[in-house]
Amino acid sequence: METPELAELISLFEDEPTSADEDLTWPVGLQSFRLRRGSREVLFSLDPMSGEAYLTMFEGGEEAISLGRLRKLEALTVEKRDEYEGLVLRFNSEEFDPLYLQTRPVIRLSWNVMALGVW
């Protein structure tokens, strides 16, 4: 799986990754990034070695969306243009459209789960 440099992810999420197991550091094990903007918060967890990701969004401190065990990731890409920043998750299969996690100016999630024309 193609991933951005750790420095790019730290810049995007404005914080260092954390792990539930303090003995594991990037890129080993499940690493989590957390970002808050206003009343919205996102927790993005990634195991770079296995290519598995988890994404949880919170609104006002309450869990609003949880996407777990996102697998068969082909690439993660950090996108920055004008005042927009975000992370794009692309899958190995053309069956799934990319997942877009906007981090600036607001936190927003966009994903058309099935690609157009797939049934």
Protein backbone atom coordinates (compact mmCIF):
# COMPACT_ATOMS: atom_id res chain seq x y z
CA MET A 1 0.00 0.00 0.00
CA GLU A 2 1.24 3.45 -0.90
CA THR A 3 1.15 5.88 2.03
CA PRO A 4 2.20 9.49 2.51
CA GLU A 5 5.27 10.29 4.56
CA LEU A 6 4.59 10.39 8.30
CA ALA A 7 5.37 14.13 8.31
CA GLU A 8 2.53 14.73 5.80
CA LEU A 9 0.05 12.85 8.00
CA ILE A 10 1.21 14.74 11.09
CA SER A 11 0.73 18.01 9.21
CA LEU A 12 -2.73 16.95 8.01
CA PHE A 13 -3.98 15.83 11.44
CA GLU A 14 -1.93 18.44 13.33
CA ASP A 15 -0.66 15.83 15.78
CA GLU A 16 1.60 12.79 16.14
CA PRO A 17 0.10 9.30 15.86
CA THR A 18 -0.60 7.29 19.00
CA SER A 19 -0.78 3.56 19.50
CA ALA A 20 -2.70 1.49 22.05
CA ASP A 21 0.55 -0.45 22.48
CA GLU A 22 3.22 2.07 23.50
CA ASP A 23 5.97 -0.33 22.35
CA LEU A 24 4.79 -0.01 18.74
CA THR A 25 5.77 3.06 16.78
CA TRP A 26 5.16 4.15 13.22
CA PRO A 27 4.81 2.22 10.89
CA VAL A 28 4.25 -0.89 13.03
CA GLY A 29 0.82 -1.71 14.42
CA LEU A 30 -2.37 0.31 14.50
CA GLN A 31 -1.53 4.03 14.67
CA SER A 32 -4.22 6.64 15.39
CA PHE A 33 -4.52 10.29 14.44
CA ARG A 34 -7.13 12.58 16.01
CA LEU A 35 -8.29 15.99 14.80
CA ARG A 36 -10.96 18.37 16.14
CA ARG A 37 -12.54 21.33 14.35
CA GLY A 38 -15.37 23.02 16.19
CA SER A 39 -17.87 20.41 17.35
CA ARG A 40 -16.56 17.78 14.90
CA GLU A 41 -13.78 15.33 15.56
CA VAL A 42 -12.26 12.54 13.53
CA LEU A 43 -10.24 9.54 14.68
CA PHE A 44 -8.33 7.96 11.81
CA SER A 45 -6.46 4.74 12.58
CA LEU A 46 -4.16 2.99 10.17
CA ASP A 47 -2.03 -0.13 10.22
CA PRO A 48 0.43 0.72 7.43
CA MET A 49 1.90 -2.79 7.32
CA SER A 50 -1.42 -4.62 6.84
CA GLY A 51 -3.10 -1.85 4.82
CA GLU A 52 -6.13 -1.68 7.10
CA ALA A 53 -7.82 1.53 8.26
CA TYR A 54 -10.58 2.62 10.63
CA LEU A 55 -12.39 5.94 10.67
CA THR A 56 -14.69 7.32 13.35
CA MET A 57 -16.34 10.73 13.26
CA PHE A 58 -17.84 12.46 16.27
CA GLU A 59 -20.30 15.35 16.43
CA GLY A 60 -20.57 17.17 19.75
CA GLY A 61 -18.63 14.39 21.47
CA GLU A 62 -21.04 11.68 20.26
CA GLU A 63 -20.03 9.02 17.74
CA ALA A 64 -21.79 9.78 14.44
CA ILE A 65 -20.05 7.52 11.90
CA SER A 66 -17.83 4.50 12.26
CA LEU A 67 -16.16 2.75 9.33
CA GLY A 68 -14.07 -0.21 10.40
CA ARG A 69 -11.77 -2.68 8.76
CA LEU A 70 -11.33 -0.74 5.54
CA ARG A 71 -9.16 -3.21 3.67
CA LYS A 72 -7.55 -3.72 0.31
CA LEU A 73 -6.30 -0.16 0.30
CA GLU A 74 -4.14 0.65 -2.68
CA ALA A 75 -3.07 4.14 -1.72
CA LEU A 76 -3.55 6.97 0.75
CA THR A 77 -2.98 10.43 -0.68
CA VAL A 78 -2.85 13.78 1.09
CA GLU A 79 -4.53 16.49 -1.02
CA LYS A 80 -3.81 20.17 -0.41
CA ARG A 81 -5.14 22.95 -2.60
CA ASP A 82 -6.09 26.52 -1.78
CA GLU A 83 -7.94 26.29 1.53
CA TYR A 84 -8.83 22.58 1.20
CA GLU A 85 -6.92 19.72 2.82
CA GLY A 86 -7.86 16.10 3.05
CA LEU A 87 -6.98 12.44 2.79
CA VAL A 88 -8.04 10.18 -0.08
CA LEU A 89 -8.23 6.42 0.44
CA ARG A 90 -8.14 4.43 -2.80
CA PHE A 91 -9.01 0.74 -2.91
CA ASN A 92 -7.46 -2.08 -4.97
CA SER A 93 -10.82 -2.95 -6.43
CA GLU A 94 -12.60 -0.78 -8.97
CA GLU A 95 -15.77 -1.91 -7.25
CA PHE A 96 -15.26 0.80 -4.60
CA ASP A 97 -14.95 4.53 -5.21
CA PRO A 98 -12.30 6.44 -3.25
CA LEU A 99 -13.16 7.63 0.24
CA TYR A 100 -12.52 11.35 0.88
CA LEU A 101 -11.83 12.66 4.37
CA GLN A 102 -11.69 16.46 4.35
CA THR A 103 -9.76 17.91 7.29
CA ARG A 104 -9.74 21.63 6.43
CA PRO A 105 -11.54 23.99 6.55
CA VAL A 106 -14.08 21.60 8.15
CA ILE A 107 -14.12 17.88 8.81
CA ARG A 108 -16.28 16.13 6.24
CA LEU A 109 -16.55 12.58 4.89
CA SER A 110 -17.59 11.62 1.37
CA TRP A 111 -17.80 8.10 -0.03
CA ASN A 112 -19.89 6.61 -2.81
CA VAL A 113 -19.39 3.04 -1.64
CA MET A 114 -20.04 1.38 -4.98
CA ALA A 115 -18.56 2.74 -8.18
CA LEU A 116 -20.99 3.98 -10.80
CA GLY A 117 -22.24 1.11 -12.97
CA VAL A 118 -21.35 -1.63 -10.46
CA TRP A 119 -24.32 -3.66 -9.38
